[in-house]
Amino acid sequence: MRHLLRMASYSSQTNMHARNLAIVWAPNLLRSRDIEATGFNGTAAFMEVRVQSIVVEFVLTHVEQLF
């Protein structure tokens, strides 16, 4: 998480701020076995990934307090 926070500090150059990093990394950091097992697609999968990205963004914006 600290590494991703460090990457977010370069967002003016890379446009990878906490939200974009969360969108990219959330499915890997918070892998959902429900999606994999049932083969969710469409809206259900999108909503699951959205929740994952919100959680990862929260963690990234509060790294110092959480870790």
PDB file of N, CA and C in Angstrom:
ATOM      1  N   MET A   1       0.819  -1.191   0.000  1.00  0.00           N
ATOM      2  CA  MET A   1       0.000   0.000   0.000  1.00  0.00           C
ATOM      3  C   MET A   1       0.863   1.255   0.000  1.00  0.00           C
ATOM      4  N   ARG A   2       1.934   1.201   0.750  1.00  0.00           N
ATOM      5  CA  ARG A   2       2.824   2.374   0.764  1.00  0.00           C
ATOM      6  C   ARG A   2       3.436   2.600  -0.618  1.00  0.00           C
ATOM      7  N   HIS A   3       3.728   1.532  -1.314  1.00  0.00           N
ATOM      8  CA  HIS A   3       4.271   1.676  -2.669  1.00  0.00           C
ATOM      9  C   HIS A   3       3.230   2.336  -3.575  1.00  0.00           C
ATOM     10  N   LEU A   4       1.992   1.898  -3.504  1.00  0.00           N
ATOM     11  CA  LEU A   4       0.946   2.506  -4.323  1.00  0.00           C
ATOM     12  C   LEU A   4       0.739   3.965  -3.944  1.00  0.00           C
ATOM     13  N   LEU A   5       0.841   4.270  -2.665  1.00  0.00           N
ATOM     14  CA  LEU A   5       0.752   5.656  -2.230  1.00  0.00           C
ATOM     15  C   LEU A   5       1.891   6.476  -2.829  1.00  0.00           C
ATOM     16  N   ARG A   6       3.072   5.905  -2.854  1.00  0.00           N
ATOM     17  CA  ARG A   6       4.219   6.580  -3.476  1.00  0.00           C
ATOM     18  C   ARG A   6       3.951   6.797  -4.960  1.00  0.00           C
ATOM     19  N   MET A   7       3.378   5.804  -5.628  1.00  0.00           N
ATOM     20  CA  MET A   7       3.043   5.959  -7.042  1.00  0.00           C
ATOM     21  C   MET A   7       2.014   7.075  -7.230  1.00  0.00           C
ATOM     22  N   ALA A   8       1.051   7.178  -6.328  1.00  0.00           N
ATOM     23  CA  ALA A   8       0.036   8.229  -6.411  1.00  0.00           C
ATOM     24  C   ALA A   8       0.657   9.613  -6.250  1.00  0.00           C
ATOM     25  N   SER A   9       1.773   9.706  -5.561  1.00  0.00           N
ATOM     26  CA  SER A   9       2.422  11.010  -5.380  1.00  0.00           C
ATOM     27  C   SER A   9       2.967  11.552  -6.702  1.00  0.00           C
ATOM     28  N   TYR A  10       3.098  10.718  -7.710  1.00  0.00           N
ATOM     29  CA  TYR A  10       3.541  11.137  -9.042  1.00  0.00           C
ATOM     30  C   TYR A  10       2.361  11.356  -9.994  1.00  0.00           C
ATOM     31  N   SER A  11       1.176  11.497  -9.449  1.00  0.00           N
ATOM     32  CA  SER A  11      -0.021  11.586 -10.294  1.00  0.00           C
ATOM     33  C   SER A  11      -0.007  12.777 -11.243  1.00  0.00           C
ATOM     34  N   SER A  12       0.699  13.843 -10.898  1.00  0.00           N
ATOM     35  CA  SER A  12       0.755  14.985 -11.822  1.00  0.00           C
ATOM     36  C   SER A  12       1.473  14.605 -13.110  1.00  0.00           C
ATOM     37  N   GLN A  13       2.353  13.622 -13.035  1.00  0.00           N
ATOM     38  CA  GLN A  13       3.087  13.176 -14.224  1.00  0.00           C
ATOM     39  C   GLN A  13       2.434  11.968 -14.887  1.00  0.00           C
ATOM     40  N   THR A  14       1.815  11.118 -14.096  1.00  0.00           N
ATOM     41  CA  THR A  14       1.302   9.846 -14.620  1.00  0.00           C
ATOM     42  C   THR A  14      -0.217   9.773 -14.716  1.00  0.00           C
ATOM     43  N   ASN A  15      -0.914  10.693 -14.075  1.00  0.00           N
ATOM     44  CA  ASN A  15      -2.377  10.695 -13.972  1.00  0.00           C
ATOM     45  C   ASN A  15      -2.901   9.446 -13.254  1.00  0.00           C
ATOM     46  N   MET A  16      -2.045   8.807 -12.467  1.00  0.00           N
ATOM     47  CA  MET A  16      -2.454   7.639 -11.690  1.00  0.00           C
ATOM     48  C   MET A  16      -2.582   8.052 -10.226  1.00  0.00           C
ATOM     49  N   HIS A  17      -3.654   8.776  -9.935  1.00  0.00           N
ATOM     50  CA  HIS A  17      -3.918   9.162  -8.561  1.00  0.00           C
ATOM     51  C   HIS A  17      -4.572   7.987  -7.837  1.00  0.00           C
ATOM     52  N   ALA A  18      -4.903   8.166  -6.577  1.00  0.00           N
ATOM     53  CA  ALA A  18      -5.406   7.057  -5.752  1.00  0.00           C
ATOM     54  C   ALA A  18      -6.605   6.358  -6.394  1.00  0.00           C
ATOM     55  N   ARG A  19      -7.513   7.110  -6.968  1.00  0.00           N
ATOM     56  CA  ARG A  19      -8.708   6.494  -7.562  1.00  0.00           C
ATOM     57  C   ARG A  19      -8.337   5.608  -8.753  1.00  0.00           C
ATOM     58  N   ASN A  20      -7.481   6.098  -9.633  1.00  0.00           N
ATOM     59  CA  ASN A  20      -7.091   5.282 -10.789  1.00  0.00           C
ATOM     60  C   ASN A  20      -6.296   4.053 -10.365  1.00  0.00           C
ATOM     61  N   LEU A  21      -5.403   4.219  -9.403  1.00  0.00           N
ATOM     62  CA  LEU A  21      -4.659   3.064  -8.895  1.00  0.00           C
ATOM     63  C   LEU A  21      -5.606   2.044  -8.271  1.00  0.00           C
ATOM     64  N   ALA A  22      -6.599   2.525  -7.554  1.00  0.00           N
ATOM     65  CA  ALA A  22      -7.570   1.626  -6.927  1.00  0.00           C
ATOM     66  C   ALA A  22      -8.351   0.841  -7.975  1.00  0.00           C
ATOM     67  N   ILE A  23      -8.749   1.509  -9.041  1.00  0.00           N
ATOM     68  CA  ILE A  23      -9.495   0.834 -10.104  1.00  0.00           C
ATOM     69  C   ILE A  23      -8.656  -0.282 -10.725  1.00  0.00           C
ATOM     70  N   VAL A  24      -7.382  -0.009 -10.923  1.00  0.00           N
ATOM     71  CA  VAL A  24      -6.504  -0.991 -11.560  1.00  0.00           C
ATOM     72  C   VAL A  24      -6.154  -2.138 -10.618  1.00  0.00           C
ATOM     73  N   TRP A  25      -5.839  -1.817  -9.369  1.00  0.00           N
ATOM     74  CA  TRP A  25      -5.322  -2.821  -8.439  1.00  0.00           C
ATOM     75  C   TRP A  25      -6.392  -3.543  -7.617  1.00  0.00           C
ATOM     76  N   ALA A  26      -7.563  -2.966  -7.458  1.00  0.00           N
ATOM     77  CA  ALA A  26      -8.587  -3.562  -6.590  1.00  0.00           C
ATOM     78  C   ALA A  26      -8.934  -5.007  -6.937  1.00  0.00           C
ATOM     79  N   PRO A  27      -9.150  -5.347  -8.200  1.00  0.00           N
ATOM     80  CA  PRO A  27      -9.507  -6.740  -8.494  1.00  0.00           C
ATOM     81  C   PRO A  27      -8.423  -7.744  -8.091  1.00  0.00           C
ATOM     82  N   ASN A  28      -7.172  -7.303  -8.048  1.00  0.00           N
ATOM     83  CA  ASN A  28      -6.094  -8.194  -7.631  1.00  0.00           C
ATOM     84  C   ASN A  28      -5.913  -8.208  -6.121  1.00  0.00           C
ATOM     85  N   LEU A  29      -6.063  -7.057  -5.490  1.00  0.00           N
ATOM     86  CA  LEU A  29      -5.873  -6.978  -4.044  1.00  0.00           C
ATOM     87  C   LEU A  29      -7.044  -7.564  -3.274  1.00  0.00           C
ATOM     88  N   LEU A  30      -8.247  -7.403  -3.802  1.00  0.00           N
ATOM     89  CA  LEU A  30      -9.453  -7.899  -3.137  1.00  0.00           C
ATOM     90  C   LEU A  30     -10.187  -8.869  -4.049  1.00  0.00           C
ATOM     91  N   ARG A  31      -9.505  -9.889  -4.436  1.00  0.00           N
ATOM     92  CA  ARG A  31     -10.065 -10.871  -5.369  1.00  0.00           C
ATOM     93  C   ARG A  31     -11.343 -11.482  -4.800  1.00  0.00           C
ATOM     94  N   SER A  32     -12.348 -11.564  -5.616  1.00  0.00           N
ATOM     95  CA  SER A  32     -13.638 -12.096  -5.197  1.00  0.00           C
ATOM     96  C   SER A  32     -13.823 -13.509  -5.738  1.00  0.00           C
ATOM     97  N   ARG A  33     -13.877 -14.449  -4.847  1.00  0.00           N
ATOM     98  CA  ARG A  33     -14.105 -15.838  -5.277  1.00  0.00           C
ATOM     99  C   ARG A  33     -15.522 -16.026  -5.809  1.00  0.00           C
ATOM    100  N   ASP A  34     -16.461 -15.183  -5.323  1.00  0.00           N
ATOM    101  CA  ASP A  34     -17.833 -15.269  -5.827  1.00  0.00           C
ATOM    102  C   ASP A  34     -17.885 -14.986  -7.319  1.00  0.00           C
ATOM    103  N   ILE A  35     -17.169 -13.951  -7.754  1.00  0.00           N
ATOM    104  CA  ILE A  35     -17.159 -13.622  -9.177  1.00  0.00           C
ATOM    105  C   ILE A  35     -16.500 -14.735  -9.974  1.00  0.00           C
ATOM    106  N   GLU A  36     -15.392 -15.255  -9.463  1.00  0.00           N
ATOM    107  CA  GLU A  36     -14.687 -16.320 -10.179  1.00  0.00           C
ATOM    108  C   GLU A  36     -15.503 -17.601 -10.223  1.00  0.00           C
ATOM    109  N   ALA A  37     -16.137 -17.964  -9.118  1.00  0.00           N
ATOM    110  CA  ALA A  37     -16.859 -19.236  -9.035  1.00  0.00           C
ATOM    111  C   ALA A  37     -18.136 -19.235  -9.872  1.00  0.00           C
ATOM    112  N   THR A  38     -18.859 -18.128  -9.842  1.00  0.00           N
ATOM    113  CA  THR A  38     -20.142 -18.100 -10.541  1.00  0.00           C
ATOM    114  C   THR A  38     -20.047 -17.514 -11.930  1.00  0.00           C
ATOM    115  N   GLY A  39     -18.888 -16.967 -12.267  1.00  0.00           N
ATOM    116  CA  GLY A  39     -18.731 -16.398 -13.592  1.00  0.00           C
ATOM    117  C   GLY A  39     -19.584 -15.167 -13.804  1.00  0.00           C
ATOM    118  N   PHE A  40     -19.713 -14.341 -12.749  1.00  0.00           N
ATOM    119  CA  PHE A  40     -20.476 -13.094 -12.883  1.00  0.00           C
ATOM    120  C   PHE A  40     -20.028 -12.344 -14.122  1.00  0.00           C
ATOM    121  N   ASN A  41     -20.954 -11.697 -14.761  1.00  0.00           N
ATOM    122  CA  ASN A  41     -20.602 -10.802 -15.853  1.00  0.00           C
ATOM    123  C   ASN A  41     -21.568  -9.628 -15.835  1.00  0.00           C
ATOM    124  N   GLY A  42     -21.278  -8.662 -16.622  1.00  0.00           N
ATOM    125  CA  GLY A  42     -22.173  -7.528 -16.733  1.00  0.00           C
ATOM    126  C   GLY A  42     -22.258  -6.697 -15.475  1.00  0.00           C
ATOM    127  N   THR A  43     -23.460  -6.335 -15.110  1.00  0.00           N
ATOM    128  CA  THR A  43     -23.710  -5.395 -14.022  1.00  0.00           C
ATOM    129  C   THR A  43     -23.231  -5.914 -12.676  1.00  0.00           C
ATOM    130  N   ALA A  44     -23.449  -7.172 -12.372  1.00  0.00           N
ATOM    131  CA  ALA A  44     -23.046  -7.721 -11.075  1.00  0.00           C
ATOM    132  C   ALA A  44     -21.535  -7.647 -10.889  1.00  0.00           C
ATOM    133  N   ALA A  45     -20.796  -8.009 -11.900  1.00  0.00           N
ATOM    134  CA  ALA A  45     -19.333  -7.953 -11.819  1.00  0.00           C
ATOM    135  C   ALA A  45     -18.858  -6.514 -11.703  1.00  0.00           C
ATOM    136  N   PHE A  46     -19.485  -5.611 -12.458  1.00  0.00           N
ATOM    137  CA  PHE A  46     -19.115  -4.200 -12.390  1.00  0.00           C
ATOM    138  C   PHE A  46     -19.333  -3.649 -10.994  1.00  0.00           C
ATOM    139  N   MET A  47     -20.462  -3.974 -10.380  1.00  0.00           N
ATOM    140  CA  MET A  47     -20.761  -3.472  -9.033  1.00  0.00           C
ATOM    141  C   MET A  47     -19.767  -4.032  -8.012  1.00  0.00           C
ATOM    142  N   GLU A  48     -19.388  -5.280  -8.149  1.00  0.00           N
ATOM    143  CA  GLU A  48     -18.423  -5.895  -7.240  1.00  0.00           C
ATOM    144  C   GLU A  48     -17.068  -5.197  -7.363  1.00  0.00           C
ATOM    145  N   VAL A  49     -16.618  -4.957  -8.566  1.00  0.00           N
ATOM    146  CA  VAL A  49     -15.336  -4.282  -8.781  1.00  0.00           C
ATOM    147  C   VAL A  49     -15.411  -2.850  -8.287  1.00  0.00           C
ATOM    148  N   ARG A  50     -16.546  -2.212  -8.443  1.00  0.00           N
ATOM    149  CA  ARG A  50     -16.714  -0.836  -7.941  1.00  0.00           C
ATOM    150  C   ARG A  50     -16.544  -0.792  -6.429  1.00  0.00           C
ATOM    151  N   VAL A  51     -17.147  -1.716  -5.719  1.00  0.00           N
ATOM    152  CA  VAL A  51     -17.002  -1.774  -4.263  1.00  0.00           C
ATOM    153  C   VAL A  51     -15.542  -2.035  -3.896  1.00  0.00           C
ATOM    154  N   GLN A  52     -14.907  -2.941  -4.592  1.00  0.00           N
ATOM    155  CA  GLN A  52     -13.496  -3.229  -4.329  1.00  0.00           C
ATOM    156  C   GLN A  52     -12.645  -1.979  -4.524  1.00  0.00           C
ATOM    157  N   SER A  53     -12.886  -1.236  -5.589  1.00  0.00           N
ATOM    158  CA  SER A  53     -12.070  -0.051  -5.855  1.00  0.00           C
ATOM    159  C   SER A  53     -12.312   1.040  -4.815  1.00  0.00           C
ATOM    160  N   ILE A  54     -13.524   1.165  -4.328  1.00  0.00           N
ATOM    161  CA  ILE A  54     -13.812   2.146  -3.275  1.00  0.00           C
ATOM    162  C   ILE A  54     -13.050   1.791  -2.009  1.00  0.00           C
ATOM    163  N   VAL A  55     -13.018   0.523  -1.660  1.00  0.00           N
ATOM    164  CA  VAL A  55     -12.282   0.084  -0.465  1.00  0.00           C
ATOM    165  C   VAL A  55     -10.788   0.339  -0.625  1.00  0.00           C
ATOM    166  N   VAL A  56     -10.231  -0.010  -1.765  1.00  0.00           N
ATOM    167  CA  VAL A  56      -8.793   0.197  -1.987  1.00  0.00           C
ATOM    168  C   VAL A  56      -8.471   1.685  -2.006  1.00  0.00           C
ATOM    169  N   GLU A  57      -9.316   2.500  -2.601  1.00  0.00           N
ATOM    170  CA  GLU A  57      -9.074   3.945  -2.597  1.00  0.00           C
ATOM    171  C   GLU A  57      -9.084   4.486  -1.168  1.00  0.00           C
ATOM    172  N   PHE A  58     -10.024   4.016  -0.350  1.00  0.00           N
ATOM    173  CA  PHE A  58     -10.072   4.437   1.050  1.00  0.00           C
ATOM    174  C   PHE A  58      -8.774   4.068   1.759  1.00  0.00           C
ATOM    175  N   VAL A  59      -8.331   2.845   1.567  1.00  0.00           N
ATOM    176  CA  VAL A  59      -7.091   2.399   2.215  1.00  0.00           C
ATOM    177  C   VAL A  59      -5.916   3.246   1.738  1.00  0.00           C
ATOM    178  N   LEU A  60      -5.841   3.520   0.443  1.00  0.00           N
ATOM    179  CA  LEU A  60      -4.736   4.325  -0.081  1.00  0.00           C
ATOM    180  C   LEU A  60      -4.735   5.744   0.485  1.00  0.00           C
ATOM    181  N   THR A  61      -5.900   6.310   0.670  1.00  0.00           N
ATOM    182  CA  THR A  61      -5.960   7.681   1.186  1.00  0.00           C
ATOM    183  C   THR A  61      -5.776   7.744   2.695  1.00  0.00           C
ATOM    184  N   HIS A  62      -5.762   6.589   3.355  1.00  0.00           N
ATOM    185  CA  HIS A  62      -5.585   6.552   4.816  1.00  0.00           C
ATOM    186  C   HIS A  62      -4.451   5.615   5.241  1.00  0.00           C
ATOM    187  N   VAL A  63      -3.458   5.450   4.380  1.00  0.00           N
ATOM    188  CA  VAL A  63      -2.356   4.535   4.657  1.00  0.00           C
ATOM    189  C   VAL A  63      -1.672   4.850   5.976  1.00  0.00           C
ATOM    190  N   GLU A  64      -1.386   6.106   6.214  1.00  0.00           N
ATOM    191  CA  GLU A  64      -0.648   6.482   7.429  1.00  0.00           C
ATOM    192  C   GLU A  64      -1.425   6.141   8.691  1.00  0.00           C
ATOM    193  N   GLN A  65      -2.739   6.321   8.672  1.00  0.00           N
ATOM    194  CA  GLN A  65      -3.554   6.005   9.845  1.00  0.00           C
ATOM    195  C   GLN A  65      -3.739   4.489  10.025  1.00  0.00           C
ATOM    196  N   LEU A  66      -3.838   3.761   8.930  1.00  0.00           N
ATOM    197  CA  LEU A  66      -4.106   2.337   9.011  1.00  0.00           C
ATOM    198  C   LEU A  66      -2.864   1.485   9.245  1.00  0.00           C
ATOM    199  N   PHE A  67      -1.727   1.915   8.711  1.00  0.00           N
ATOM    200  CA  PHE A  67      -0.510   1.118   8.831  1.00  0.00           C
ATOM    201  C   PHE A  67       0.510   1.874   9.631  1.00  0.00           C
TER     202      PHE A  67
END
